[in-house]
């Protein structure tokens, strides 16, 4: 399947209540993990999850991709893959770090 370039204009629309609650939980889990294992978080970089949702939503609604599959490599806590699933993508996350995988959402 070829890659497809998609032009998006990200608007600052409000997030649905369930997405806000999910992102709050994700932030809490990341903060707890950072406190418990500060040495382990050096390589972990959290995404701007609200912006990711704002980018995925028009892709999902406009069916702008070649299919409705979503795979997140290095998914960490699985927040981005979970956001994709909330938008009804067939989503999966791949994470090699066992503690991150075990704490995934």
PDB file of N, CA and C in Angstrom:
ATOM      1  N   UNK A   1       0.848  -1.161   0.000  1.00  0.00           N
ATOM      2  CA  UNK A   1       0.000   0.000   0.000  1.00  0.00           C
ATOM      3  C   UNK A   1       0.903   1.236   0.000  1.00  0.00           C
ATOM      4  N   UNK A   2       0.709   2.152  -0.907  1.00  0.00           N
ATOM      5  CA  UNK A   2       1.562   3.345  -0.969  1.00  0.00           C
ATOM      6  C   UNK A   2       1.201   4.349   0.126  1.00  0.00           C
ATOM      7  N   UNK A   3       2.180   5.168   0.462  1.00  0.00           N
ATOM      8  CA  UNK A   3       1.917   6.258   1.396  1.00  0.00           C
ATOM      9  C   UNK A   3       1.095   7.321   0.684  1.00  0.00           C
ATOM     10  N   UNK A   4       0.291   8.022   1.443  1.00  0.00           N
ATOM     11  CA  UNK A   4      -0.564   9.062   0.884  1.00  0.00           C
ATOM     12  C   UNK A   4      -0.324  10.347   1.654  1.00  0.00           C
ATOM     13  N   UNK A   5      -0.012  11.422   0.945  1.00  0.00           N
ATOM     14  CA  UNK A   5       0.115  12.729   1.595  1.00  0.00           C
ATOM     15  C   UNK A   5      -1.281  13.285   1.825  1.00  0.00           C
ATOM     16  N   UNK A   6      -1.509  13.801   3.024  1.00  0.00           N
ATOM     17  CA  UNK A   6      -2.806  14.368   3.376  1.00  0.00           C
ATOM     18  C   UNK A   6      -2.562  15.756   3.944  1.00  0.00           C
ATOM     19  N   UNK A   7      -3.203  16.758   3.370  1.00  0.00           N
ATOM     20  CA  UNK A   7      -3.089  18.115   3.908  1.00  0.00           C
ATOM     21  C   UNK A   7      -4.212  18.335   4.912  1.00  0.00           C
ATOM     22  N   UNK A   8      -3.828  18.808   6.077  1.00  0.00           N
ATOM     23  CA  UNK A   8      -4.805  19.057   7.136  1.00  0.00           C
ATOM     24  C   UNK A   8      -4.666  20.472   7.653  1.00  0.00           C
ATOM     25  N   UNK A   9      -5.774  21.056   7.987  1.00  0.00           N
ATOM     26  CA  UNK A   9      -5.788  22.301   8.735  1.00  0.00           C
ATOM     27  C   UNK A   9      -6.346  21.948  10.101  1.00  0.00           C
ATOM     28  N   UNK A  10      -5.509  22.091  11.114  1.00  0.00           N
ATOM     29  CA  UNK A  10      -5.941  21.718  12.456  1.00  0.00           C
ATOM     30  C   UNK A  10      -6.630  22.909  13.113  1.00  0.00           C
ATOM     31  N   UNK A  11      -7.870  22.704  13.431  1.00  0.00           N
ATOM     32  CA  UNK A  11      -8.638  23.738  14.118  1.00  0.00           C
ATOM     33  C   UNK A  11      -8.645  23.422  15.604  1.00  0.00           C
ATOM     34  N   UNK A  12      -8.775  24.427  16.408  1.00  0.00           N
ATOM     35  CA  UNK A  12      -8.763  24.245  17.855  1.00  0.00           C
ATOM     36  C   UNK A  12     -10.104  23.844  18.419  1.00  0.00           C
ATOM     37  N   UNK A  13     -10.842  22.954  17.716  1.00  0.00           N
ATOM     38  CA  UNK A  13     -12.144  22.547  18.222  1.00  0.00           C
ATOM     39  C   UNK A  13     -11.990  21.855  19.570  1.00  0.00           C
ATOM     40  N   UNK A  14     -13.019  21.972  20.371  1.00  0.00           N
ATOM     41  CA  UNK A  14     -12.989  21.337  21.679  1.00  0.00           C
ATOM     42  C   UNK A  14     -12.963  19.825  21.553  1.00  0.00           C
ATOM     43  N   UNK A  15     -12.406  19.190  22.536  1.00  0.00           N
ATOM     44  CA  UNK A  15     -12.340  17.738  22.540  1.00  0.00           C
ATOM     45  C   UNK A  15     -13.601  17.167  23.173  1.00  0.00           C
ATOM     46  N   UNK A  16     -14.071  16.037  22.660  1.00  0.00           N
ATOM     47  CA  UNK A  16     -15.222  15.388  23.309  1.00  0.00           C
ATOM     48  C   UNK A  16     -14.892  15.032  24.757  1.00  0.00           C
ATOM     49  N   UNK A  17     -15.903  14.970  25.582  1.00  0.00           N
ATOM     50  CA  UNK A  17     -15.736  14.707  27.007  1.00  0.00           C
ATOM     51  C   UNK A  17     -14.995  13.392  27.263  1.00  0.00           C
ATOM     52  N   UNK A  18     -15.329  12.349  26.500  1.00  0.00           N
ATOM     53  CA  UNK A  18     -14.662  11.057  26.720  1.00  0.00           C
ATOM     54  C   UNK A  18     -13.179  11.131  26.349  1.00  0.00           C
ATOM     55  N   UNK A  19     -12.846  11.925  25.345  1.00  0.00           N
ATOM     56  CA  UNK A  19     -11.446  12.086  24.950  1.00  0.00           C
ATOM     57  C   UNK A  19     -10.696  12.880  26.018  1.00  0.00           C
ATOM     58  N   UNK A  20     -11.312  13.937  26.536  1.00  0.00           N
ATOM     59  CA  UNK A  20     -10.681  14.713  27.621  1.00  0.00           C
ATOM     60  C   UNK A  20     -10.410  13.829  28.830  1.00  0.00           C
ATOM     61  N   UNK A  21     -11.371  13.005  29.209  1.00  0.00           N
ATOM     62  CA  UNK A  21     -11.197  12.111  30.358  1.00  0.00           C
ATOM     63  C   UNK A  21     -10.082  11.099  30.088  1.00  0.00           C
ATOM     64  N   UNK A  22     -10.052  10.556  28.886  1.00  0.00           N
ATOM     65  CA  UNK A  22      -9.017   9.602  28.510  1.00  0.00           C
ATOM     66  C   UNK A  22      -7.638  10.252  28.573  1.00  0.00           C
ATOM     67  N   UNK A  23      -7.511  11.460  28.030  1.00  0.00           N
ATOM     68  CA  UNK A  23      -6.219  12.144  28.025  1.00  0.00           C
ATOM     69  C   UNK A  23      -5.772  12.516  29.435  1.00  0.00           C
ATOM     70  N   UNK A  24      -6.712  12.829  30.294  1.00  0.00           N
ATOM     71  CA  UNK A  24      -6.377  13.115  31.691  1.00  0.00           C
ATOM     72  C   UNK A  24      -5.808  11.861  32.359  1.00  0.00           C
ATOM     73  N   UNK A  25      -6.416  10.713  32.096  1.00  0.00           N
ATOM     74  CA  UNK A  25      -5.923   9.451  32.643  1.00  0.00           C
ATOM     75  C   UNK A  25      -4.534   9.133  32.078  1.00  0.00           C
ATOM     76  N   UNK A  26      -4.341   9.353  30.788  1.00  0.00           N
ATOM     77  CA  UNK A  26      -3.034   9.104  30.171  1.00  0.00           C
ATOM     78  C   UNK A  26      -1.966   9.985  30.809  1.00  0.00           C
ATOM     79  N   UNK A  27      -2.267  11.257  30.995  1.00  0.00           N
ATOM     80  CA  UNK A  27      -1.315  12.173  31.633  1.00  0.00           C
ATOM     81  C   UNK A  27      -0.976  11.716  33.046  1.00  0.00           C
ATOM     82  N   UNK A  28      -1.978  11.249  33.785  1.00  0.00           N
ATOM     83  CA  UNK A  28      -1.749  10.764  35.156  1.00  0.00           C
ATOM     84  C   UNK A  28      -0.836   9.547  35.164  1.00  0.00           C
ATOM     85  N   UNK A  29      -1.071   8.607  34.259  1.00  0.00           N
ATOM     86  CA  UNK A  29      -0.236   7.402  34.200  1.00  0.00           C
ATOM     87  C   UNK A  29       1.203   7.740  33.823  1.00  0.00           C
ATOM     88  N   UNK A  30       1.365   8.654  32.885  1.00  0.00           N
ATOM     89  CA  UNK A  30       2.711   9.061  32.473  1.00  0.00           C
ATOM     90  C   UNK A  30       3.425   9.751  33.631  1.00  0.00           C
ATOM     91  N   UNK A  31       2.719  10.614  34.354  1.00  0.00           N
ATOM     92  CA  UNK A  31       3.318  11.305  35.496  1.00  0.00           C
ATOM     93  C   UNK A  31       3.730  10.316  36.582  1.00  0.00           C
ATOM     94  N   UNK A  32       2.859   9.345  36.885  1.00  0.00           N
ATOM     95  CA  UNK A  32       3.199   8.332  37.901  1.00  0.00           C
ATOM     96  C   UNK A  32       4.412   7.513  37.473  1.00  0.00           C
ATOM     97  N   UNK A  33       4.457   7.125  36.224  1.00  0.00           N
ATOM     98  CA  UNK A  33       5.585   6.350  35.720  1.00  0.00           C
ATOM     99  C   UNK A  33       6.866   7.175  35.806  1.00  0.00           C
ATOM    100  N   UNK A  34       6.789   8.448  35.491  1.00  0.00           N
ATOM    101  CA  UNK A  34       7.965   9.322  35.548  1.00  0.00           C
ATOM    102  C   UNK A  34       8.480   9.478  36.973  1.00  0.00           C
ATOM    103  N   UNK A  35       7.574   9.502  37.947  1.00  0.00           N
ATOM    104  CA  UNK A  35       7.970   9.622  39.347  1.00  0.00           C
ATOM    105  C   UNK A  35       8.589   8.323  39.860  1.00  0.00           C
ATOM    106  N   UNK A  36       8.007   7.198  39.468  1.00  0.00           N
ATOM    107  CA  UNK A  36       8.464   5.895  39.945  1.00  0.00           C
ATOM    108  C   UNK A  36       9.782   5.493  39.284  1.00  0.00           C
ATOM    109  N   UNK A  37       9.908   5.745  38.009  1.00  0.00           N
ATOM    110  CA  UNK A  37      11.071   5.286  37.239  1.00  0.00           C
ATOM    111  C   UNK A  37      11.687   6.410  36.424  1.00  0.00           C
ATOM    112  N   UNK A  38      12.238   7.449  37.074  1.00  0.00           N
ATOM    113  CA  UNK A  38      12.766   8.574  36.301  1.00  0.00           C
ATOM    114  C   UNK A  38      13.863   8.182  35.321  1.00  0.00           C
ATOM    115  N   UNK A  39      14.700   7.210  35.660  1.00  0.00           N
ATOM    116  CA  UNK A  39      15.764   6.786  34.746  1.00  0.00           C
ATOM    117  C   UNK A  39      15.183   6.113  33.508  1.00  0.00           C
ATOM    118  N   UNK A  40      14.048   5.443  33.661  1.00  0.00           N
ATOM    119  CA  UNK A  40      13.429   4.727  32.534  1.00  0.00           C
ATOM    120  C   UNK A  40      12.736   5.668  31.566  1.00  0.00           C
ATOM    121  N   UNK A  41      12.427   6.879  31.977  1.00  0.00           N
ATOM    122  CA  UNK A  41      11.661   7.772  31.119  1.00  0.00           C
ATOM    123  C   UNK A  41      12.539   8.655  30.239  1.00  0.00           C
ATOM    124  N   UNK A  42      13.861   8.532  30.360  1.00  0.00           N
ATOM    125  CA  UNK A  42      14.730   9.381  29.552  1.00  0.00           C
ATOM    126  C   UNK A  42      14.479   9.229  28.064  1.00  0.00           C
ATOM    127  N   UNK A  43      14.193   8.036  27.584  1.00  0.00           N
ATOM    128  CA  UNK A  43      13.960   7.815  26.168  1.00  0.00           C
ATOM    129  C   UNK A  43      12.503   7.962  25.763  1.00  0.00           C
ATOM    130  N   UNK A  44      11.626   8.144  26.741  1.00  0.00           N
ATOM    131  CA  UNK A  44      10.198   8.252  26.464  1.00  0.00           C
ATOM    132  C   UNK A  44       9.834   9.698  26.179  1.00  0.00           C
ATOM    133  N   UNK A  45       9.169   9.918  25.069  1.00  0.00           N
ATOM    134  CA  UNK A  45       8.710  11.261  24.712  1.00  0.00           C
ATOM    135  C   UNK A  45       7.209  11.169  24.450  1.00  0.00           C
ATOM    136  N   UNK A  46       6.445  11.834  25.268  1.00  0.00           N
ATOM    137  CA  UNK A  46       4.994  11.826  25.082  1.00  0.00           C
ATOM    138  C   UNK A  46       4.619  12.748  23.929  1.00  0.00           C
ATOM    139  N   UNK A  47       3.614  12.348  23.192  1.00  0.00           N
ATOM    140  CA  UNK A  47       3.097  13.179  22.106  1.00  0.00           C
ATOM    141  C   UNK A  47       2.182  14.246  22.670  1.00  0.00           C
ATOM    142  N   UNK A  48       1.870  15.218  21.841  1.00  0.00           N
ATOM    143  CA  UNK A  48       0.824  16.178  22.170  1.00  0.00           C
ATOM    144  C   UNK A  48      -0.486  15.493  21.774  1.00  0.00           C
ATOM    145  N   UNK A  49      -1.064  14.773  22.715  1.00  0.00           N
ATOM    146  CA  UNK A  49      -2.186  13.901  22.413  1.00  0.00           C
ATOM    147  C   UNK A  49      -3.405  14.649  21.871  1.00  0.00           C
ATOM    148  N   UNK A  50      -3.682  15.840  22.366  1.00  0.00           N
ATOM    149  CA  UNK A  50      -4.828  16.606  21.862  1.00  0.00           C
ATOM    150  C   UNK A  50      -4.629  16.955  20.390  1.00  0.00           C
ATOM    151  N   UNK A  51      -3.408  17.331  20.011  1.00  0.00           N
ATOM    152  CA  UNK A  51      -3.128  17.650  18.612  1.00  0.00           C
ATOM    153  C   UNK A  51      -3.225  16.403  17.743  1.00  0.00           C
ATOM    154  N   UNK A  52      -2.760  15.274  18.262  1.00  0.00           N
ATOM    155  CA  UNK A  52      -2.881  14.014  17.518  1.00  0.00           C
ATOM    156  C   UNK A  52      -4.352  13.722  17.240  1.00  0.00           C
ATOM    157  N   UNK A  53      -5.199  13.877  18.251  1.00  0.00           N
ATOM    158  CA  UNK A  53      -6.633  13.639  18.062  1.00  0.00           C
ATOM    159  C   UNK A  53      -7.193  14.592  17.018  1.00  0.00           C
ATOM    160  N   UNK A  54      -6.792  15.865  17.096  1.00  0.00           N
ATOM    161  CA  UNK A  54      -7.290  16.862  16.136  1.00  0.00           C
ATOM    162  C   UNK A  54      -6.828  16.567  14.708  1.00  0.00           C
ATOM    163  N   UNK A  55      -5.718  15.863  14.555  1.00  0.00           N
ATOM    164  CA  UNK A  55      -5.253  15.466  13.220  1.00  0.00           C
ATOM    165  C   UNK A  55      -5.951  14.185  12.752  1.00  0.00           C
ATOM    166  N   UNK A  56      -6.139  13.239  13.667  1.00  0.00           N
ATOM    167  CA  UNK A  56      -6.758  11.969  13.285  1.00  0.00           C
ATOM    168  C   UNK A  56      -8.247  12.105  12.967  1.00  0.00           C
ATOM    169  N   UNK A  57      -8.910  12.991  13.667  1.00  0.00           N
ATOM    170  CA  UNK A  57     -10.364  13.110  13.485  1.00  0.00           C
ATOM    171  C   UNK A  57     -10.758  13.461  12.053  1.00  0.00           C
ATOM    172  N   UNK A  58     -10.176  14.493  11.434  1.00  0.00           N
ATOM    173  CA  UNK A  58     -10.573  14.770  10.041  1.00  0.00           C
ATOM    174  C   UNK A  58     -10.153  13.668   9.068  1.00  0.00           C
ATOM    175  N   UNK A  59      -9.072  12.960   9.383  1.00  0.00           N
ATOM    176  CA  UNK A  59      -8.667  11.834   8.535  1.00  0.00           C
ATOM    177  C   UNK A  59      -9.734  10.745   8.612  1.00  0.00           C
ATOM    178  N   UNK A  60     -10.208  10.461   9.817  1.00  0.00           N
ATOM    179  CA  UNK A  60     -11.235   9.440  10.000  1.00  0.00           C
ATOM    180  C   UNK A  60     -12.563   9.874   9.373  1.00  0.00           C
ATOM    181  N   UNK A  61     -12.977  11.090   9.651  1.00  0.00           N
ATOM    182  CA  UNK A  61     -14.278  11.559   9.173  1.00  0.00           C
ATOM    183  C   UNK A  61     -14.312  11.707   7.658  1.00  0.00           C
ATOM    184  N   UNK A  62     -13.192  12.135   7.079  1.00  0.00           N
ATOM    185  CA  UNK A  62     -13.151  12.333   5.635  1.00  0.00           C
ATOM    186  C   UNK A  62     -12.658  11.134   4.873  1.00  0.00           C
ATOM    187  N   UNK A  63     -12.373  10.049   5.593  1.00  0.00           N
ATOM    188  CA  UNK A  63     -11.829   8.843   4.992  1.00  0.00           C
ATOM    189  C   UNK A  63     -10.687   9.212   4.037  1.00  0.00           C
ATOM    190  N   UNK A  64      -9.728   9.979   4.567  1.00  0.00           N
ATOM    191  CA  UNK A  64      -8.640  10.515   3.764  1.00  0.00           C
ATOM    192  C   UNK A  64      -7.485   9.544   3.571  1.00  0.00           C
ATOM    193  N   UNK A  65      -7.444   8.481   4.328  1.00  0.00           N
ATOM    194  CA  UNK A  65      -6.383   7.495   4.170  1.00  0.00           C
ATOM    195  C   UNK A  65      -6.791   6.413   3.192  1.00  0.00           C
ATOM    196  N   UNK A  66      -5.845   5.596   2.758  1.00  0.00           N
ATOM    197  CA  UNK A  66      -6.161   4.532   1.809  1.00  0.00           C
ATOM    198  C   UNK A  66      -6.934   3.370   2.450  1.00  0.00           C
ATOM    199  N   UNK A  67      -6.927   3.318   3.772  1.00  0.00           N
ATOM    200  CA  UNK A  67      -7.678   2.287   4.489  1.00  0.00           C
ATOM    201  C   UNK A  67      -7.984   2.842   5.877  1.00  0.00           C
ATOM    202  N   UNK A  68      -8.564   2.024   6.713  1.00  0.00           N
ATOM    203  CA  UNK A  68      -8.919   2.493   8.051  1.00  0.00           C
ATOM    204  C   UNK A  68      -8.082   1.791   9.125  1.00  0.00           C
ATOM    205  N   UNK A  69      -6.854   1.424   8.756  1.00  0.00           N
ATOM    206  CA  UNK A  69      -5.933   0.783   9.693  1.00  0.00           C
ATOM    207  C   UNK A  69      -4.982   1.824  10.266  1.00  0.00           C
ATOM    208  N   UNK A  70      -4.561   1.592  11.512  1.00  0.00           N
ATOM    209  CA  UNK A  70      -3.637   2.508  12.173  1.00  0.00           C
ATOM    210  C   UNK A  70      -2.690   1.679  13.029  1.00  0.00           C
ATOM    211  N   UNK A  71      -1.393   1.875  12.845  1.00  0.00           N
ATOM    212  CA  UNK A  71      -0.401   1.176  13.648  1.00  0.00           C
ATOM    213  C   UNK A  71       0.572   2.192  14.225  1.00  0.00           C
ATOM    214  N   UNK A  72       0.742   2.167  15.527  1.00  0.00           N
ATOM    215  CA  UNK A  72       1.666   3.073  16.210  1.00  0.00           C
ATOM    216  C   UNK A  72       2.886   2.281  16.657  1.00  0.00           C
ATOM    217  N   UNK A  73       4.029   2.549  16.045  1.00  0.00           N
ATOM    218  CA  UNK A  73       5.295   1.928  16.425  1.00  0.00           C
ATOM    219  C   UNK A  73       5.871   2.676  17.605  1.00  0.00           C
ATOM    220  N   UNK A  74       6.344   1.964  18.616  1.00  0.00           N
ATOM    221  CA  UNK A  74       6.862   2.619  19.810  1.00  0.00           C
ATOM    222  C   UNK A  74       5.726   3.317  20.533  1.00  0.00           C
ATOM    223  N   UNK A  75       4.680   2.554  20.803  1.00  0.00           N
ATOM    224  CA  UNK A  75       3.430   3.142  21.295  1.00  0.00           C
ATOM    225  C   UNK A  75       3.451   3.571  22.754  1.00  0.00           C
ATOM    226  N   UNK A  76       4.514   3.260  23.485  1.00  0.00           N
ATOM    227  CA  UNK A  76       4.582   3.713  24.875  1.00  0.00           C
ATOM    228  C   UNK A  76       3.381   3.248  25.662  1.00  0.00           C
ATOM    229  N   UNK A  77       2.607   4.185  26.145  1.00  0.00           N
ATOM    230  CA  UNK A  77       1.416   3.885  26.944  1.00  0.00           C
ATOM    231  C   UNK A  77       0.207   3.532  26.085  1.00  0.00           C
ATOM    232  N   UNK A  78       0.350   3.633  24.771  1.00  0.00           N
ATOM    233  CA  UNK A  78      -0.749   3.279  23.868  1.00  0.00           C
ATOM    234  C   UNK A  78      -1.786   4.367  23.693  1.00  0.00           C
ATOM    235  N   UNK A  79      -1.483   5.580  24.113  1.00  0.00           N
ATOM    236  CA  UNK A  79      -2.475   6.652  24.049  1.00  0.00           C
ATOM    237  C   UNK A  79      -2.870   6.993  22.615  1.00  0.00           C
ATOM    238  N   UNK A  80      -1.904   7.089  21.719  1.00  0.00           N
ATOM    239  CA  UNK A  80      -2.227   7.466  20.338  1.00  0.00           C
ATOM    240  C   UNK A  80      -3.010   6.351  19.656  1.00  0.00           C
ATOM    241  N   UNK A  81      -2.596   5.106  19.832  1.00  0.00           N
ATOM    242  CA  UNK A  81      -3.349   3.986  19.252  1.00  0.00           C
ATOM    243  C   UNK A  81      -4.763   3.949  19.825  1.00  0.00           C
ATOM    244  N   UNK A  82      -4.898   4.256  21.105  1.00  0.00           N
ATOM    245  CA  UNK A  82      -6.227   4.280  21.723  1.00  0.00           C
ATOM    246  C   UNK A  82      -7.085   5.403  21.157  1.00  0.00           C
ATOM    247  N   UNK A  83      -6.481   6.568  20.917  1.00  0.00           N
ATOM    248  CA  UNK A  83      -7.229   7.665  20.299  1.00  0.00           C
ATOM    249  C   UNK A  83      -7.709   7.257  18.906  1.00  0.00           C
ATOM    250  N   UNK A  84      -6.836   6.581  18.151  1.00  0.00           N
ATOM    251  CA  UNK A  84      -7.232   6.108  16.822  1.00  0.00           C
ATOM    252  C   UNK A  84      -8.395   5.130  16.930  1.00  0.00           C
ATOM    253  N   UNK A  85      -8.342   4.239  17.914  1.00  0.00           N
ATOM    254  CA  UNK A  85      -9.436   3.281  18.111  1.00  0.00           C
ATOM    255  C   UNK A  85     -10.731   4.004  18.483  1.00  0.00           C
ATOM    256  N   UNK A  86     -10.631   5.069  19.267  1.00  0.00           N
ATOM    257  CA  UNK A  86     -11.818   5.845  19.633  1.00  0.00           C
ATOM    258  C   UNK A  86     -12.463   6.472  18.402  1.00  0.00           C
ATOM    259  N   UNK A  87     -11.657   6.692  17.360  1.00  0.00           N
ATOM    260  CA  UNK A  87     -12.160   7.252  16.104  1.00  0.00           C
ATOM    261  C   UNK A  87     -12.489   6.146  15.097  1.00  0.00           C
ATOM    262  N   UNK A  88     -12.583   4.920  15.606  1.00  0.00           N
ATOM    263  CA  UNK A  88     -12.995   3.741  14.854  1.00  0.00           C
ATOM    264  C   UNK A  88     -12.000   3.286  13.798  1.00  0.00           C
ATOM    265  N   UNK A  89     -10.710   3.627  14.007  1.00  0.00           N
ATOM    266  CA  UNK A  89      -9.672   3.004  13.198  1.00  0.00           C
ATOM    267  C   UNK A  89      -9.478   1.584  13.707  1.00  0.00           C
ATOM    268  N   UNK A  90      -9.030   0.695  12.860  1.00  0.00           N
ATOM    269  CA  UNK A  90      -8.589  -0.631  13.282  1.00  0.00           C
ATOM    270  C   UNK A  90      -7.165  -0.412  13.780  1.00  0.00           C
ATOM    271  N   UNK A  91      -7.000  -0.139  15.062  1.00  0.00           N
ATOM    272  CA  UNK A  91      -5.741   0.367  15.619  1.00  0.00           C
ATOM    273  C   UNK A  91      -4.994  -0.680  16.427  1.00  0.00           C
ATOM    274  N   UNK A  92      -3.666  -0.583  16.354  1.00  0.00           N
ATOM    275  CA  UNK A  92      -2.816  -1.399  17.202  1.00  0.00           C
ATOM    276  C   UNK A  92      -1.576  -0.583  17.559  1.00  0.00           C
ATOM    277  N   UNK A  93      -0.963  -0.948  18.657  1.00  0.00           N
ATOM    278  CA  UNK A  93       0.276  -0.306  19.086  1.00  0.00           C
ATOM    279  C   UNK A  93       1.344  -1.363  19.290  1.00  0.00           C
ATOM    280  N   UNK A  94       2.569  -1.017  18.958  1.00  0.00           N
ATOM    281  CA  UNK A  94       3.699  -1.928  19.124  1.00  0.00           C
ATOM    282  C   UNK A  94       4.698  -1.272  20.067  1.00  0.00           C
ATOM    283  N   UNK A  95       5.027  -1.960  21.155  1.00  0.00           N
ATOM    284  CA  UNK A  95       5.958  -1.417  22.149  1.00  0.00           C
ATOM    285  C   UNK A  95       6.866  -2.533  22.637  1.00  0.00           C
ATOM    286  N   UNK A  96       8.178  -2.302  22.592  1.00  0.00           N
ATOM    287  CA  UNK A  96       9.153  -3.307  23.013  1.00  0.00           C
ATOM    288  C   UNK A  96       9.459  -3.225  24.515  1.00  0.00           C
ATOM    289  N   UNK A  97       9.284  -2.061  25.113  1.00  0.00           N
ATOM    290  CA  UNK A  97       9.613  -1.849  26.524  1.00  0.00           C
ATOM    291  C   UNK A  97       8.502  -2.431  27.398  1.00  0.00           C
ATOM    292  N   UNK A  98       8.795  -3.536  28.067  1.00  0.00           N
ATOM    293  CA  UNK A  98       7.797  -4.264  28.842  1.00  0.00           C
ATOM    294  C   UNK A  98       7.070  -3.389  29.879  1.00  0.00           C
ATOM    295  N   UNK A  99       7.784  -2.585  30.702  1.00  0.00           N
ATOM    296  CA  UNK A  99       7.059  -1.760  31.676  1.00  0.00           C
ATOM    297  C   UNK A  99       6.085  -0.766  31.022  1.00  0.00           C
ATOM    298  N   UNK A 100       6.452  -0.193  29.895  1.00  0.00           N
ATOM    299  CA  UNK A 100       5.525   0.702  29.203  1.00  0.00           C
ATOM    300  C   UNK A 100       4.317  -0.076  28.691  1.00  0.00           C
ATOM    301  N   UNK A 101       4.574  -1.222  28.119  1.00  0.00           N
ATOM    302  CA  UNK A 101       3.490  -2.072  27.634  1.00  0.00           C
ATOM    303  C   UNK A 101       2.542  -2.430  28.769  1.00  0.00           C
ATOM    304  N   UNK A 102       3.085  -2.826  29.914  1.00  0.00           N
ATOM    305  CA  UNK A 102       2.245  -3.240  31.038  1.00  0.00           C
ATOM    306  C   UNK A 102       1.407  -2.093  31.599  1.00  0.00           C
ATOM    307  N   UNK A 103       1.873  -0.857  31.423  1.00  0.00           N
ATOM    308  CA  UNK A 103       1.129   0.299  31.904  1.00  0.00           C
ATOM    309  C   UNK A 103       0.252   0.920  30.828  1.00  0.00           C
ATOM    310  N   UNK A 104       0.215   0.309  29.649  1.00  0.00           N
ATOM    311  CA  UNK A 104      -0.550   0.906  28.554  1.00  0.00           C
ATOM    312  C   UNK A 104      -2.029   0.947  28.907  1.00  0.00           C
ATOM    313  N   UNK A 105      -2.657   1.860  28.284  1.00  0.00           N
ATOM    314  CA  UNK A 105      -4.074   2.161  28.582  1.00  0.00           C
ATOM    315  C   UNK A 105      -4.987   1.215  27.842  1.00  0.00           C
TER     316      UNK A 105
END
